[in-house]
Amino acid sequence: MQPLIVTETVRVTASVASPSILQSLASRWKASNGGAKRADLVLDASEQDNMTQLIYDTEVQTAAVCGAPTGDDALLLSLANSSRAKDR
């Protein structure tokens, strides 16, 4: 029974924290040029960096709330973690 209690505690903590994290991400996505066309991103290195950072932040923060990602999200999280490790 003890692992069940620990698991439930983690879920409750994550669900309490998730609204503010998700609201912050949603605000950043809305503020970004989310409607930018691929050609626009190719021509603007600064916008590429901003979008990459937003994607990486999204993966890192949602993994903390939602748990380990799978598929493409797992790959993006790995890239985000690699980028963060290089920056240190």
C-alpha atoms as a PDB file:
ATOM      1  CA  MET A   1       0.000   0.000   0.000  1.00  0.00           C
ATOM      2  CA  GLN A   2       2.841   2.423   0.628  1.00  0.00           C
ATOM      3  CA  PRO A   3       3.802   2.878  -3.079  1.00  0.00           C
ATOM      4  CA  LEU A   4       0.175   3.662  -3.906  1.00  0.00           C
ATOM      5  CA  ILE A   5       0.142   6.481  -1.360  1.00  0.00           C
ATOM      6  CA  VAL A   6       3.403   7.919  -2.721  1.00  0.00           C
ATOM      7  CA  THR A   7       2.097   7.704  -6.280  1.00  0.00           C
ATOM      8  CA  GLU A   8      -1.126   9.463  -5.373  1.00  0.00           C
ATOM      9  CA  THR A   9       0.789  12.198  -3.550  1.00  0.00           C
ATOM     10  CA  VAL A  10       2.906  12.842  -6.639  1.00  0.00           C
ATOM     11  CA  ARG A  11      -0.187  12.994  -8.847  1.00  0.00           C
ATOM     12  CA  VAL A  12      -1.930  15.458  -6.540  1.00  0.00           C
ATOM     13  CA  THR A  13       1.164  17.661  -6.348  1.00  0.00           C
ATOM     14  CA  ALA A  14       1.543  17.604 -10.134  1.00  0.00           C
ATOM     15  CA  SER A  15      -2.101  18.417 -10.742  1.00  0.00           C
ATOM     16  CA  VAL A  16      -1.967  21.330  -8.316  1.00  0.00           C
ATOM     17  CA  ALA A  17       1.159  22.731 -10.010  1.00  0.00           C
ATOM     18  CA  SER A  18       0.060  22.100 -13.566  1.00  0.00           C
ATOM     19  CA  PRO A  19      -2.469  24.906 -14.087  1.00  0.00           C
ATOM     20  CA  SER A  20       0.061  27.696 -13.532  1.00  0.00           C
ATOM     21  CA  ILE A  21       2.738  25.948 -15.583  1.00  0.00           C
ATOM     22  CA  LEU A  22       0.317  25.215 -18.387  1.00  0.00           C
ATOM     23  CA  GLN A  23      -1.143  28.737 -18.272  1.00  0.00           C
ATOM     24  CA  SER A  24       2.345  30.200 -18.543  1.00  0.00           C
ATOM     25  CA  LEU A  25       3.131  27.998 -21.527  1.00  0.00           C
ATOM     26  CA  ALA A  26      -0.204  28.812 -23.175  1.00  0.00           C
ATOM     27  CA  SER A  27       0.504  32.526 -22.764  1.00  0.00           C
ATOM     28  CA  ARG A  28       3.942  32.150 -24.287  1.00  0.00           C
ATOM     29  CA  TRP A  29       2.546  30.180 -27.222  1.00  0.00           C
ATOM     30  CA  LYS A  30      -0.118  32.830 -27.813  1.00  0.00           C
ATOM     31  CA  ALA A  31       2.478  35.604 -27.594  1.00  0.00           C
ATOM     32  CA  SER A  32       4.789  33.802 -29.998  1.00  0.00           C
ATOM     33  CA  ASN A  33       4.281  34.046 -33.689  1.00  0.00           C
ATOM     34  CA  GLY A  34       2.618  30.625 -33.629  1.00  0.00           C
ATOM     35  CA  GLY A  35       1.034  31.303 -36.981  1.00  0.00           C
ATOM     36  CA  ALA A  36       4.392  31.891 -38.634  1.00  0.00           C
ATOM     37  CA  LYS A  37       4.971  30.100 -41.854  1.00  0.00           C
ATOM     38  CA  ARG A  38       7.909  27.781 -42.254  1.00  0.00           C
ATOM     39  CA  ALA A  39       9.480  30.173 -44.795  1.00  0.00           C
ATOM     40  CA  ASP A  40       9.328  33.003 -42.226  1.00  0.00           C
ATOM     41  CA  LEU A  41      11.157  30.885 -39.655  1.00  0.00           C
ATOM     42  CA  VAL A  42      13.825  29.891 -42.176  1.00  0.00           C
ATOM     43  CA  LEU A  43      14.602  33.548 -42.824  1.00  0.00           C
ATOM     44  CA  ASP A  44      14.700  34.714 -39.186  1.00  0.00           C
ATOM     45  CA  ALA A  45      17.397  33.106 -37.012  1.00  0.00           C
ATOM     46  CA  SER A  46      16.207  34.952 -33.918  1.00  0.00           C
ATOM     47  CA  GLU A  47      12.672  33.639 -34.366  1.00  0.00           C
ATOM     48  CA  GLN A  48      14.083  30.143 -34.847  1.00  0.00           C
ATOM     49  CA  ASP A  49      15.936  30.417 -31.534  1.00  0.00           C
ATOM     50  CA  ASN A  50      12.848  31.747 -29.754  1.00  0.00           C
ATOM     51  CA  MET A  51      10.642  28.987 -31.130  1.00  0.00           C
ATOM     52  CA  THR A  52      13.205  26.301 -30.294  1.00  0.00           C
ATOM     53  CA  GLN A  53      13.441  27.581 -26.725  1.00  0.00           C
ATOM     54  CA  LEU A  54       9.660  27.631 -26.370  1.00  0.00           C
ATOM     55  CA  ILE A  55       9.425  24.053 -27.647  1.00  0.00           C
ATOM     56  CA  TYR A  56      12.177  22.896 -25.294  1.00  0.00           C
ATOM     57  CA  ASP A  57      10.616  24.698 -22.322  1.00  0.00           C
ATOM     58  CA  THR A  58       7.268  23.121 -23.174  1.00  0.00           C
ATOM     59  CA  GLU A  59       8.749  19.631 -23.187  1.00  0.00           C
ATOM     60  CA  VAL A  60      10.697  20.112 -19.950  1.00  0.00           C
ATOM     61  CA  GLN A  61       7.829  21.698 -18.031  1.00  0.00           C
ATOM     62  CA  THR A  62       5.121  19.326 -19.224  1.00  0.00           C
ATOM     63  CA  ALA A  63       7.324  16.301 -18.496  1.00  0.00           C
ATOM     64  CA  ALA A  64       7.526  17.493 -14.896  1.00  0.00           C
ATOM     65  CA  VAL A  65       3.732  17.617 -14.733  1.00  0.00           C
ATOM     66  CA  CYS A  66       2.630  14.825 -17.064  1.00  0.00           C
ATOM     67  CA  GLY A  67       5.409  12.309 -16.591  1.00  0.00           C
ATOM     68  CA  ALA A  68       7.857  10.780 -19.014  1.00  0.00           C
ATOM     69  CA  PRO A  69       6.970  11.504 -22.627  1.00  0.00           C
ATOM     70  CA  THR A  70       6.977   9.025 -25.478  1.00  0.00           C
ATOM     71  CA  GLY A  71       7.585   9.238 -29.211  1.00  0.00           C
ATOM     72  CA  ASP A  72       8.405  12.643 -30.665  1.00  0.00           C
ATOM     73  CA  ASP A  73       7.954  14.311 -27.288  1.00  0.00           C
ATOM     74  CA  ALA A  74      10.607  12.022 -25.785  1.00  0.00           C
ATOM     75  CA  LEU A  75      12.999  13.003 -28.572  1.00  0.00           C
ATOM     76  CA  LEU A  76      12.304  16.715 -28.079  1.00  0.00           C
ATOM     77  CA  LEU A  77      12.814  16.368 -24.313  1.00  0.00           C
ATOM     78  CA  SER A  78      16.129  14.623 -24.929  1.00  0.00           C
ATOM     79  CA  LEU A  79      17.205  17.467 -27.220  1.00  0.00           C
ATOM     80  CA  ALA A  80      16.091  20.033 -24.658  1.00  0.00           C
ATOM     81  CA  ASN A  81      18.058  18.307 -21.912  1.00  0.00           C
ATOM     82  CA  SER A  82      21.140  18.077 -24.161  1.00  0.00           C
ATOM     83  CA  SER A  83      20.877  21.780 -24.915  1.00  0.00           C
ATOM     84  CA  ARG A  84      20.558  22.639 -21.243  1.00  0.00           C
ATOM     85  CA  ALA A  85      23.573  20.466 -20.395  1.00  0.00           C
ATOM     86  CA  LYS A  86      25.705  22.264 -23.020  1.00  0.00           C
ATOM     87  CA  ASP A  87      24.695  25.652 -21.615  1.00  0.00           C
ATOM     88  CA  ARG A  88      26.034  24.775 -18.162  1.00  0.00           C
END
